[in-house]
Amino acid sequence: MKKPLRPFALLVALLLALAGQSAFAASLSIVGRSTTSTMAVSYSSEATAQASGKVTIKKGTFAGGNFCVVLTLLSMTQSSPETVSYAMYSPAATLADQLSLSGAPTSPSQVLSGSFGAGTTKNSTVTLDFAFVVSPTTMPPPGSYIATIDESVYASTYLPSGTRYASHTLKVTVTVGSIYGVSVVPIGSGFSSTSTSQSLNFGVLAPGQSLGADILVRSNVLYSILLASANSGSLVNIADPTSLIGYSLSSNGNAVPLSSGPSSIATRSAATYSSSSRYGIKATIGPFSTFPSAGSYADTITITVSSP
């Protein structure tokens, strides 16, 4: 009777061991088909740009309780002198919590977290959403920037301790195009994308009067600037177009001729990236060769910024 019992006892022990390994391996898993694997974001120099993703966790034979998804940035292609400014947040709708990308979160708000109740089935899932956000704080060179991020599941509130039950790789591509913008502001003011014109009001005109403004340029590529006068460098009487008053224009102290067409004040200048290049423009009323007719006089200078 003793000999038949021994194989049976060994067989039972072996089955228990296998059952334990199976339950351990399938406790929590990331559902690949409904978990975001790739994301694309187009950079904007004027506002934040973002893309939303999600991670779906399947319970399997997990007994239930808290779990978290810890994020670790594995790599990020960057370029000098400016880099992409980015972060990840949850939930995507409100961006309430900034997620840690170090793999070492210090609070529950820095991970994606959820829980399974003890009564839920093994096919139960929890979907957690997030957003990858790129800010216009910096203006990097044109190109594609790729972030590779590991998403690992742990049966804990937020600490990546114990067994890592599953992992998944997320790749985010940030595309930065060629960008150049111009702002026309009062002297000494900062760049404002909504300020693209200024009016220089001389009041009662007299020879020698001067007024000015600043042209600010931001660009992540080489750029050129042309100035063109609607009236070839003269103020024209609005009611009597035959009555003209000449004026001179300078940029950073250098004369800008306007009588024969557009004039360049910058040619293939270096990219400014997140800072601005400033061009101080000053208009000075010229001598009156004849008595101009009474009325209001005006000219329009058009600023063209282009990439060679």
C-alpha atoms as a PDB file:
ATOM      1  CA  MET A   1       0.000   0.000   0.000  1.00  0.00           C
ATOM      2  CA  LYS A   2       2.890   2.383   0.601  1.00  0.00           C
ATOM      3  CA  LYS A   3       4.291   2.327  -2.950  1.00  0.00           C
ATOM      4  CA  PRO A   4       1.110   3.614  -4.722  1.00  0.00           C
ATOM      5  CA  LEU A   5       0.864   6.561  -2.306  1.00  0.00           C
ATOM      6  CA  ARG A   6       4.282   8.007  -3.086  1.00  0.00           C
ATOM      7  CA  PRO A   7       3.635   8.962  -6.772  1.00  0.00           C
ATOM      8  CA  PHE A   8       0.289  10.351  -5.786  1.00  0.00           C
ATOM      9  CA  ALA A   9       1.827  12.563  -3.125  1.00  0.00           C
ATOM     10  CA  LEU A  10       4.486  13.786  -5.554  1.00  0.00           C
ATOM     11  CA  LEU A  11       1.872  14.444  -8.196  1.00  0.00           C
ATOM     12  CA  VAL A  12      -0.210  16.525  -5.828  1.00  0.00           C
ATOM     13  CA  ALA A  13       2.824  18.541  -4.791  1.00  0.00           C
ATOM     14  CA  LEU A  14       3.723  19.175  -8.419  1.00  0.00           C
ATOM     15  CA  LEU A  15       0.220  20.324  -9.297  1.00  0.00           C
ATOM     16  CA  LEU A  16       0.187  22.735  -6.391  1.00  0.00           C
ATOM     17  CA  ALA A  17       3.500  24.187  -7.465  1.00  0.00           C
ATOM     18  CA  LEU A  18       2.300  24.684 -11.015  1.00  0.00           C
ATOM     19  CA  ALA A  19      -0.946  26.221  -9.854  1.00  0.00           C
ATOM     20  CA  GLY A  20       0.936  28.640  -7.666  1.00  0.00           C
ATOM     21  CA  GLN A  21       3.188  29.738 -10.539  1.00  0.00           C
ATOM     22  CA  SER A  22       0.240  30.226 -12.878  1.00  0.00           C
ATOM     23  CA  ALA A  23      -1.674  32.355 -10.385  1.00  0.00           C
ATOM     24  CA  PHE A  24       1.418  34.406  -9.635  1.00  0.00           C
ATOM     25  CA  ALA A  25       2.146  35.168 -13.299  1.00  0.00           C
ATOM     26  CA  ALA A  26      -1.410  36.131 -14.246  1.00  0.00           C
ATOM     27  CA  SER A  27      -2.310  38.283 -11.248  1.00  0.00           C
ATOM     28  CA  LEU A  28      -2.335  41.664 -13.033  1.00  0.00           C
ATOM     29  CA  SER A  29      -1.720  42.374 -16.694  1.00  0.00           C
ATOM     30  CA  ILE A  30      -1.727  45.291 -19.122  1.00  0.00           C
ATOM     31  CA  VAL A  31      -4.196  44.715 -21.936  1.00  0.00           C
ATOM     32  CA  GLY A  32      -2.188  45.493 -25.047  1.00  0.00           C
ATOM     33  CA  ARG A  33      -5.030  45.885 -27.520  1.00  0.00           C
ATOM     34  CA  SER A  34      -6.704  48.650 -25.492  1.00  0.00           C
ATOM     35  CA  THR A  35      -3.582  50.278 -24.063  1.00  0.00           C
ATOM     36  CA  THR A  36      -2.039  53.193 -25.967  1.00  0.00           C
ATOM     37  CA  SER A  37       1.319  52.242 -27.478  1.00  0.00           C
ATOM     38  CA  THR A  38       2.120  55.300 -29.616  1.00  0.00           C
ATOM     39  CA  MET A  39       1.151  58.957 -29.438  1.00  0.00           C
ATOM     40  CA  ALA A  40       1.850  61.989 -31.641  1.00  0.00           C
ATOM     41  CA  VAL A  41       1.987  65.632 -30.595  1.00  0.00           C
ATOM     42  CA  SER A  42       2.526  68.667 -32.839  1.00  0.00           C
ATOM     43  CA  TYR A  43       4.430  71.435 -31.070  1.00  0.00           C
ATOM     44  CA  SER A  44       2.901  74.914 -30.838  1.00  0.00           C
ATOM     45  CA  SER A  45       4.865  78.047 -29.979  1.00  0.00           C
ATOM     46  CA  GLU A  46       1.713  79.823 -28.768  1.00  0.00           C
ATOM     47  CA  ALA A  47      -0.075  77.312 -26.520  1.00  0.00           C
ATOM     48  CA  THR A  48       0.293  73.920 -24.890  1.00  0.00           C
ATOM     49  CA  ALA A  49      -0.173  70.917 -27.146  1.00  0.00           C
ATOM     50  CA  GLN A  50      -1.238  67.521 -25.866  1.00  0.00           C
ATOM     51  CA  ALA A  51      -2.304  63.998 -26.759  1.00  0.00           C
ATOM     52  CA  SER A  52      -4.286  61.589 -24.590  1.00  0.00           C
ATOM     53  CA  GLY A  53      -3.677  57.905 -23.938  1.00  0.00           C
ATOM     54  CA  LYS A  54      -4.830  55.120 -21.656  1.00  0.00           C
ATOM     55  CA  VAL A  55      -3.645  52.027 -19.836  1.00  0.00           C
ATOM     56  CA  THR A  56      -6.074  49.125 -19.287  1.00  0.00           C
ATOM     57  CA  ILE A  57      -5.342  46.709 -16.429  1.00  0.00           C
ATOM     58  CA  LYS A  58      -6.877  43.226 -16.274  1.00  0.00           C
ATOM     59  CA  LYS A  59      -7.411  41.607 -12.882  1.00  0.00           C
ATOM     60  CA  GLY A  60      -6.708  37.982 -13.768  1.00  0.00           C
ATOM     61  CA  THR A  61      -6.308  35.993 -10.563  1.00  0.00           C
ATOM     62  CA  PHE A  62      -5.216  38.992  -8.509  1.00  0.00           C
ATOM     63  CA  ALA A  63      -6.889  38.716  -5.121  1.00  0.00           C
ATOM     64  CA  GLY A  64      -7.984  42.323  -5.290  1.00  0.00           C
ATOM     65  CA  GLY A  65      -6.925  45.615  -3.764  1.00  0.00           C
ATOM     66  CA  ASN A  66      -4.821  48.570  -4.848  1.00  0.00           C
ATOM     67  CA  PHE A  67      -2.492  48.643  -7.817  1.00  0.00           C
ATOM     68  CA  CYS A  68      -0.519  51.359  -9.592  1.00  0.00           C
ATOM     69  CA  VAL A  69       1.181  51.996 -12.908  1.00  0.00           C
ATOM     70  CA  VAL A  70       4.644  53.504 -12.431  1.00  0.00           C
ATOM     71  CA  LEU A  71       6.118  55.486 -15.342  1.00  0.00           C
ATOM     72  CA  THR A  72       9.820  55.554 -16.181  1.00  0.00           C
ATOM     73  CA  LEU A  73      11.297  57.653 -18.973  1.00  0.00           C
ATOM     74  CA  LEU A  74      13.721  55.347 -20.757  1.00  0.00           C
ATOM     75  CA  SER A  75      14.926  57.856 -23.347  1.00  0.00           C
ATOM     76  CA  MET A  76      14.106  61.210 -24.951  1.00  0.00           C
ATOM     77  CA  THR A  77      15.784  62.497 -28.070  1.00  0.00           C
ATOM     78  CA  GLN A  78      16.619  66.185 -27.613  1.00  0.00           C
ATOM     79  CA  SER A  79      18.517  68.889 -29.487  1.00  0.00           C
ATOM     80  CA  SER A  80      20.565  71.823 -28.308  1.00  0.00           C
ATOM     81  CA  PRO A  81      20.464  74.720 -27.637  1.00  0.00           C
ATOM     82  CA  GLU A  82      16.751  74.330 -26.769  1.00  0.00           C
ATOM     83  CA  THR A  83      14.910  71.175 -25.753  1.00  0.00           C
ATOM     84  CA  VAL A  84      11.263  70.110 -25.686  1.00  0.00           C
ATOM     85  CA  SER A  85       9.476  71.065 -22.460  1.00  0.00           C
ATOM     86  CA  TYR A  86       7.013  68.284 -21.611  1.00  0.00           C
ATOM     87  CA  ALA A  87       5.247  66.429 -18.789  1.00  0.00           C
ATOM     88  CA  MET A  88       2.566  63.780 -18.246  1.00  0.00           C
ATOM     89  CA  TYR A  89      -0.647  64.333 -16.290  1.00  0.00           C
ATOM     90  CA  SER A  90      -3.768  62.536 -15.174  1.00  0.00           C
ATOM     91  CA  PRO A  91      -6.617  62.571 -15.758  1.00  0.00           C
ATOM     92  CA  ALA A  92      -6.456  63.826 -19.335  1.00  0.00           C
ATOM     93  CA  ALA A  93      -9.579  65.977 -18.982  1.00  0.00           C
ATOM     94  CA  THR A  94      -8.304  68.149 -16.116  1.00  0.00           C
ATOM     95  CA  LEU A  95      -4.525  67.568 -15.916  1.00  0.00           C
ATOM     96  CA  ALA A  96      -4.973  67.589 -12.138  1.00  0.00           C
ATOM     97  CA  ASP A  97      -1.862  65.573 -11.205  1.00  0.00           C
ATOM     98  CA  GLN A  98       1.601  65.597 -12.745  1.00  0.00           C
ATOM     99  CA  LEU A  99       2.932  62.064 -13.060  1.00  0.00           C
ATOM    100  CA  SER A 100       6.468  61.099 -12.126  1.00  0.00           C
ATOM    101  CA  LEU A 101       8.619  59.904 -15.025  1.00  0.00           C
ATOM    102  CA  SER A 102      11.580  58.966 -12.832  1.00  0.00           C
ATOM    103  CA  GLY A 103      10.384  55.495 -11.891  1.00  0.00           C
ATOM    104  CA  ALA A 104      10.542  56.589  -8.246  1.00  0.00           C
ATOM    105  CA  PRO A 105       7.263  58.373  -7.366  1.00  0.00           C
ATOM    106  CA  THR A 106       7.014  60.007  -3.956  1.00  0.00           C
ATOM    107  CA  SER A 107       3.223  60.275  -3.643  1.00  0.00           C
ATOM    108  CA  PRO A 108       0.056  58.514  -4.904  1.00  0.00           C
ATOM    109  CA  SER A 109      -0.717  61.479  -7.172  1.00  0.00           C
ATOM    110  CA  GLN A 110       2.424  60.777  -9.217  1.00  0.00           C
ATOM    111  CA  VAL A 111       1.234  57.397 -10.546  1.00  0.00           C
ATOM    112  CA  LEU A 112      -1.783  55.991 -12.343  1.00  0.00           C
ATOM    113  CA  SER A 113      -3.664  54.052  -9.689  1.00  0.00           C
ATOM    114  CA  GLY A 114      -6.784  51.939  -9.236  1.00  0.00           C
ATOM    115  CA  SER A 115      -8.162  48.945  -7.366  1.00  0.00           C
ATOM    116  CA  PHE A 116     -10.136  45.737  -7.800  1.00  0.00           C
ATOM    117  CA  GLY A 117     -12.735  44.708  -5.286  1.00  0.00           C
ATOM    118  CA  ALA A 118     -12.549  41.230  -3.816  1.00  0.00           C
ATOM    119  CA  GLY A 119     -15.753  40.224  -5.603  1.00  0.00           C
ATOM    120  CA  THR A 120     -14.753  41.245  -9.132  1.00  0.00           C
ATOM    121  CA  THR A 121     -14.152  38.580 -11.758  1.00  0.00           C
ATOM    122  CA  LYS A 122     -10.794  37.713 -13.304  1.00  0.00           C
ATOM    123  CA  ASN A 123     -11.866  39.376 -16.580  1.00  0.00           C
ATOM    124  CA  SER A 124     -12.551  42.707 -14.884  1.00  0.00           C
ATOM    125  CA  THR A 125     -10.566  45.648 -16.192  1.00  0.00           C
ATOM    126  CA  VAL A 126      -9.758  49.173 -15.072  1.00  0.00           C
ATOM    127  CA  THR A 127      -8.808  51.837 -17.629  1.00  0.00           C
ATOM    128  CA  LEU A 128      -6.690  54.791 -16.549  1.00  0.00           C
ATOM    129  CA  ASP A 129      -6.216  57.794 -18.826  1.00  0.00           C
ATOM    130  CA  PHE A 130      -3.407  60.336 -19.042  1.00  0.00           C
ATOM    131  CA  ALA A 131      -2.109  63.157 -21.225  1.00  0.00           C
ATOM    132  CA  PHE A 132       1.321  63.936 -22.625  1.00  0.00           C
ATOM    133  CA  VAL A 133       1.623  67.741 -22.626  1.00  0.00           C
ATOM    134  CA  VAL A 134       4.187  69.875 -24.480  1.00  0.00           C
ATOM    135  CA  SER A 135       4.459  73.498 -23.368  1.00  0.00           C
ATOM    136  CA  PRO A 136       5.722  76.484 -25.400  1.00  0.00           C
ATOM    137  CA  THR A 137       8.186  77.399 -22.632  1.00  0.00           C
ATOM    138  CA  THR A 138      11.032  76.495 -24.957  1.00  0.00           C
ATOM    139  CA  MET A 139      11.247  76.584 -28.755  1.00  0.00           C
ATOM    140  CA  PRO A 140      13.456  73.711 -29.950  1.00  0.00           C
ATOM    141  CA  PRO A 141      14.931  73.288 -33.427  1.00  0.00           C
ATOM    142  CA  PRO A 142      12.738  71.667 -36.100  1.00  0.00           C
ATOM    143  CA  GLY A 143      12.567  67.887 -36.061  1.00  0.00           C
ATOM    144  CA  SER A 144      11.004  64.849 -34.415  1.00  0.00           C
ATOM    145  CA  TYR A 145      11.558  64.189 -30.719  1.00  0.00           C
ATOM    146  CA  ILE A 146      10.740  60.698 -29.388  1.00  0.00           C
ATOM    147  CA  ALA A 147      10.063  59.845 -25.742  1.00  0.00           C
ATOM    148  CA  THR A 148      10.160  56.159 -24.777  1.00  0.00           C
ATOM    149  CA  ILE A 149       8.343  55.457 -21.512  1.00  0.00           C
ATOM    150  CA  ASP A 150       8.007  52.220 -19.521  1.00  0.00           C
ATOM    151  CA  GLU A 151       4.657  51.553 -17.827  1.00  0.00           C
ATOM    152  CA  SER A 152       4.930  48.947 -15.048  1.00  0.00           C
ATOM    153  CA  VAL A 153       2.159  47.557 -12.821  1.00  0.00           C
ATOM    154  CA  TYR A 154       2.649  46.938  -9.104  1.00  0.00           C
ATOM    155  CA  ALA A 155       0.242  45.756  -6.430  1.00  0.00           C
ATOM    156  CA  SER A 156       0.761  48.829  -4.270  1.00  0.00           C
ATOM    157  CA  THR A 157      -0.606  52.332  -3.759  1.00  0.00           C
ATOM    158  CA  TYR A 158       2.282  54.097  -5.495  1.00  0.00           C
ATOM    159  CA  LEU A 159       5.663  52.639  -4.570  1.00  0.00           C
ATOM    160  CA  PRO A 160       7.320  50.380  -7.179  1.00  0.00           C
ATOM    161  CA  SER A 161       8.022  47.697  -4.575  1.00  0.00           C
ATOM    162  CA  GLY A 162       7.702  43.950  -4.733  1.00  0.00           C
ATOM    163  CA  THR A 163       6.853  42.125  -7.936  1.00  0.00           C
ATOM    164  CA  ARG A 164       6.376  43.958 -11.212  1.00  0.00           C
ATOM    165  CA  TYR A 165       3.367  42.131 -12.602  1.00  0.00           C
ATOM    166  CA  ALA A 166       3.370  43.526 -16.122  1.00  0.00           C
ATOM    167  CA  SER A 167       4.987  46.206 -18.249  1.00  0.00           C
ATOM    168  CA  HIS A 168       4.320  48.063 -21.478  1.00  0.00           C
ATOM    169  CA  THR A 169       6.237  50.544 -23.614  1.00  0.00           C
ATOM    170  CA  LEU A 170       4.786  53.858 -24.753  1.00  0.00           C
ATOM    171  CA  LYS A 171       6.422  55.911 -27.496  1.00  0.00           C
ATOM    172  CA  VAL A 172       5.508  59.579 -27.944  1.00  0.00           C
ATOM    173  CA  THR A 173       6.653  61.515 -31.010  1.00  0.00           C
ATOM    174  CA  VAL A 174       6.716  65.312 -30.753  1.00  0.00           C
ATOM    175  CA  THR A 175       6.986  67.032 -34.126  1.00  0.00           C
ATOM    176  CA  VAL A 176       8.431  70.551 -34.229  1.00  0.00           C
ATOM    177  CA  GLY A 177       8.128  72.474 -37.476  1.00  0.00           C
ATOM    178  CA  SER A 178       9.930  75.577 -38.743  1.00  0.00           C
ATOM    179  CA  ILE A 179       8.635  78.478 -36.672  1.00  0.00           C
ATOM    180  CA  TYR A 180       9.091  82.215 -36.911  1.00  0.00           C
ATOM    181  CA  GLY A 181       6.905  84.915 -35.440  1.00  0.00           C
ATOM    182  CA  VAL A 182       6.951  88.707 -35.354  1.00  0.00           C
ATOM    183  CA  SER A 183       5.614  91.130 -32.775  1.00  0.00           C
ATOM    184  CA  VAL A 184       5.442  94.934 -33.021  1.00  0.00           C
ATOM    185  CA  VAL A 185       5.379  96.525 -29.568  1.00  0.00           C
ATOM    186  CA  PRO A 186       6.057  99.793 -27.763  1.00  0.00           C
ATOM    187  CA  ILE A 187       9.749 100.453 -27.136  1.00  0.00           C
ATOM    188  CA  GLY A 188      11.137  98.108 -24.469  1.00  0.00           C
ATOM    189  CA  SER A 189       8.079  95.837 -24.295  1.00  0.00           C
ATOM    190  CA  GLY A 190       8.226  92.041 -24.479  1.00  0.00           C
ATOM    191  CA  PHE A 191       7.139  89.697 -27.247  1.00  0.00           C
ATOM    192  CA  SER A 192       3.388  89.301 -27.686  1.00  0.00           C
ATOM    193  CA  SER A 193       1.985  87.173 -30.491  1.00  0.00           C
ATOM    194  CA  THR A 194      -1.218  89.258 -30.469  1.00  0.00           C
ATOM    195  CA  SER A 195       0.624  92.559 -30.960  1.00  0.00           C
ATOM    196  CA  THR A 196       1.438  92.779 -34.654  1.00  0.00           C
ATOM    197  CA  SER A 197       1.022  96.515 -35.321  1.00  0.00           C
ATOM    198  CA  GLN A 198       1.660  99.883 -33.719  1.00  0.00           C
ATOM    199  CA  SER A 199       0.423 103.382 -34.603  1.00  0.00           C
ATOM    200  CA  LEU A 200       2.905 106.254 -34.313  1.00  0.00           C
ATOM    201  CA  ASN A 201       0.837 109.365 -33.696  1.00  0.00           C
ATOM    202  CA  PHE A 202       2.924 112.523 -34.165  1.00  0.00           C
ATOM    203  CA  GLY A 203       0.103 114.933 -33.395  1.00  0.00           C
ATOM    204  CA  VAL A 204       0.756 118.281 -35.123  1.00  0.00           C
ATOM    205  CA  LEU A 205       3.563 117.508 -37.555  1.00  0.00           C
ATOM    206  CA  ALA A 206       6.841 119.427 -37.386  1.00  0.00           C
ATOM    207  CA  PRO A 207      10.251 118.720 -38.935  1.00  0.00           C
ATOM    208  CA  GLY A 208      12.576 116.683 -36.696  1.00  0.00           C
ATOM    209  CA  GLN A 209       9.889 114.896 -34.683  1.00  0.00           C
ATOM    210  CA  SER A 210      10.735 111.238 -33.940  1.00  0.00           C
ATOM    211  CA  LEU A 211       8.687 108.299 -32.742  1.00  0.00           C
ATOM    212  CA  GLY A 212       9.505 104.604 -32.623  1.00  0.00           C
ATOM    213  CA  ALA A 213       8.519 101.053 -31.825  1.00  0.00           C
ATOM    214  CA  ASP A 214      10.238  97.686 -31.484  1.00  0.00           C
ATOM    215  CA  ILE A 215      10.030  94.756 -33.864  1.00  0.00           C
ATOM    216  CA  LEU A 216      10.608  91.471 -32.015  1.00  0.00           C
ATOM    217  CA  VAL A 217      11.309  88.211 -33.830  1.00  0.00           C
ATOM    218  CA  ARG A 218      11.292  84.656 -32.479  1.00  0.00           C
ATOM    219  CA  SER A 219      12.442  81.835 -34.710  1.00  0.00           C
ATOM    220  CA  ASN A 220      13.903  78.327 -34.602  1.00  0.00           C
ATOM    221  CA  VAL A 221      15.358  78.694 -38.116  1.00  0.00           C
ATOM    222  CA  LEU A 222      17.340  81.315 -40.029  1.00  0.00           C
ATOM    223  CA  TYR A 223      15.199  84.311 -40.898  1.00  0.00           C
ATOM    224  CA  SER A 224      15.175  87.563 -42.900  1.00  0.00           C
ATOM    225  CA  ILE A 225      13.165  90.774 -42.413  1.00  0.00           C
ATOM    226  CA  LEU A 226      11.960  93.206 -45.071  1.00  0.00           C
ATOM    227  CA  LEU A 227      10.283  96.588 -44.493  1.00  0.00           C
ATOM    228  CA  ALA A 228       8.161  98.119 -47.238  1.00  0.00           C
ATOM    229  CA  SER A 229       6.497 101.556 -47.314  1.00  0.00           C
ATOM    230  CA  ALA A 230       3.103 101.945 -48.959  1.00  0.00           C
ATOM    231  CA  ASN A 231       4.109 105.441 -50.107  1.00  0.00           C
ATOM    232  CA  SER A 232       7.856 105.032 -50.742  1.00  0.00           C
ATOM    233  CA  GLY A 233       8.903 106.683 -47.500  1.00  0.00           C
ATOM    234  CA  SER A 234       6.460 109.612 -47.483  1.00  0.00           C
ATOM    235  CA  LEU A 235       3.441 110.569 -45.411  1.00  0.00           C
ATOM    236  CA  VAL A 236       0.491 111.213 -47.701  1.00  0.00           C
ATOM    237  CA  ASN A 237      -2.357 113.615 -47.020  1.00  0.00           C
ATOM    238  CA  ILE A 238      -5.400 111.386 -46.695  1.00  0.00           C
ATOM    239  CA  ALA A 239      -7.692 113.988 -48.322  1.00  0.00           C
ATOM    240  CA  ASP A 240      -5.132 115.267 -50.858  1.00  0.00           C
ATOM    241  CA  PRO A 241      -2.781 112.494 -52.075  1.00  0.00           C
ATOM    242  CA  THR A 242      -0.679 115.025 -53.978  1.00  0.00           C
ATOM    243  CA  SER A 243       0.552 116.581 -50.706  1.00  0.00           C
ATOM    244  CA  LEU A 244       3.495 114.639 -49.258  1.00  0.00           C
ATOM    245  CA  ILE A 245       5.746 114.936 -46.222  1.00  0.00           C
ATOM    246  CA  GLY A 246       8.987 112.976 -46.288  1.00  0.00           C
ATOM    247  CA  TYR A 247      10.373 111.054 -43.313  1.00  0.00           C
ATOM    248  CA  SER A 248      13.385 108.855 -42.626  1.00  0.00           C
ATOM    249  CA  LEU A 249      13.399 105.450 -40.981  1.00  0.00           C
ATOM    250  CA  SER A 250      16.142 103.681 -39.054  1.00  0.00           C
ATOM    251  CA  SER A 251      16.528 100.235 -37.494  1.00  0.00           C
ATOM    252  CA  ASN A 252      18.836  99.948 -34.479  1.00  0.00           C
ATOM    253  CA  GLY A 253      20.403 103.213 -35.610  1.00  0.00           C
ATOM    254  CA  ASN A 254      20.951 102.133 -39.213  1.00  0.00           C
ATOM    255  CA  ALA A 255      19.202 103.968 -42.069  1.00  0.00           C
ATOM    256  CA  VAL A 256      16.455 102.013 -43.824  1.00  0.00           C
ATOM    257  CA  PRO A 257      15.849 103.344 -47.364  1.00  0.00           C
ATOM    258  CA  LEU A 258      12.221 103.066 -48.401  1.00  0.00           C
ATOM    259  CA  SER A 259      12.016 105.126 -51.581  1.00  0.00           C
ATOM    260  CA  SER A 260      12.868 102.337 -54.030  1.00  0.00           C
ATOM    261  CA  GLY A 261      10.990  99.363 -52.632  1.00  0.00           C
ATOM    262  CA  PRO A 262      11.323  96.883 -49.731  1.00  0.00           C
ATOM    263  CA  SER A 263      14.459  97.237 -47.641  1.00  0.00           C
ATOM    264  CA  SER A 264      16.159  94.514 -45.607  1.00  0.00           C
ATOM    265  CA  ILE A 265      16.998  95.027 -41.944  1.00  0.00           C
ATOM    266  CA  ALA A 266      18.080  91.395 -41.328  1.00  0.00           C
ATOM    267  CA  THR A 267      19.303  88.702 -43.721  1.00  0.00           C
ATOM    268  CA  ARG A 268      19.723  85.047 -42.751  1.00  0.00           C
ATOM    269  CA  SER A 269      19.941  85.937 -39.097  1.00  0.00           C
ATOM    270  CA  ALA A 270      20.542  83.128 -36.622  1.00  0.00           C
ATOM    271  CA  ALA A 271      17.614  81.390 -34.949  1.00  0.00           C
ATOM    272  CA  THR A 272      16.485  83.023 -31.723  1.00  0.00           C
ATOM    273  CA  TYR A 273      14.743  79.939 -30.244  1.00  0.00           C
ATOM    274  CA  SER A 274      12.924  80.893 -27.034  1.00  0.00           C
ATOM    275  CA  SER A 275      14.361  84.407 -26.790  1.00  0.00           C
ATOM    276  CA  SER A 276      13.614  87.352 -29.097  1.00  0.00           C
ATOM    277  CA  SER A 277      15.716  89.522 -31.371  1.00  0.00           C
ATOM    278  CA  ARG A 278      14.845  93.201 -31.027  1.00  0.00           C
ATOM    279  CA  TYR A 279      14.923  95.764 -33.837  1.00  0.00           C
ATOM    280  CA  GLY A 280      14.337  99.319 -32.679  1.00  0.00           C
ATOM    281  CA  ILE A 281      12.514 101.271 -35.412  1.00  0.00           C
ATOM    282  CA  LYS A 282      12.512 105.087 -35.406  1.00  0.00           C
ATOM    283  CA  ALA A 283      10.680 107.366 -37.829  1.00  0.00           C
ATOM    284  CA  THR A 284      11.828 111.003 -38.091  1.00  0.00           C
ATOM    285  CA  ILE A 285       9.854 113.729 -39.881  1.00  0.00           C
ATOM    286  CA  GLY A 286      11.917 115.404 -42.614  1.00  0.00           C
ATOM    287  CA  PRO A 287      12.098 119.097 -43.512  1.00  0.00           C
ATOM    288  CA  PHE A 288       9.121 120.667 -45.248  1.00  0.00           C
ATOM    289  CA  SER A 289      10.295 121.598 -48.736  1.00  0.00           C
ATOM    290  CA  THR A 290       6.976 123.304 -49.364  1.00  0.00           C
ATOM    291  CA  PHE A 291       4.052 124.158 -47.151  1.00  0.00           C
ATOM    292  CA  PRO A 292       2.033 120.967 -46.994  1.00  0.00           C
ATOM    293  CA  SER A 293      -1.709 121.244 -47.176  1.00  0.00           C
ATOM    294  CA  ALA A 294      -3.625 120.948 -43.919  1.00  0.00           C
ATOM    295  CA  GLY A 295      -4.999 117.537 -42.996  1.00  0.00           C
ATOM    296  CA  SER A 296      -4.059 114.134 -41.687  1.00  0.00           C
ATOM    297  CA  TYR A 297      -1.046 112.343 -43.137  1.00  0.00           C
ATOM    298  CA  ALA A 298      -0.238 108.645 -42.981  1.00  0.00           C
ATOM    299  CA  ASP A 299       1.953 105.885 -44.321  1.00  0.00           C
ATOM    300  CA  THR A 300       1.914 102.134 -43.700  1.00  0.00           C
ATOM    301  CA  ILE A 301       5.060 100.057 -43.272  1.00  0.00           C
ATOM    302  CA  THR A 302       4.656  96.344 -43.877  1.00  0.00           C
ATOM    303  CA  ILE A 303       7.006  93.950 -42.056  1.00  0.00           C
ATOM    304  CA  THR A 304       7.741  90.624 -43.718  1.00  0.00           C
ATOM    305  CA  VAL A 305       9.603  87.884 -41.843  1.00  0.00           C
ATOM    306  CA  SER A 306      10.616  84.844 -43.865  1.00  0.00           C
ATOM    307  CA  SER A 307      12.922  81.854 -43.713  1.00  0.00           C
ATOM    308  CA  PRO A 308      15.496  81.832 -46.504  1.00  0.00           C
END
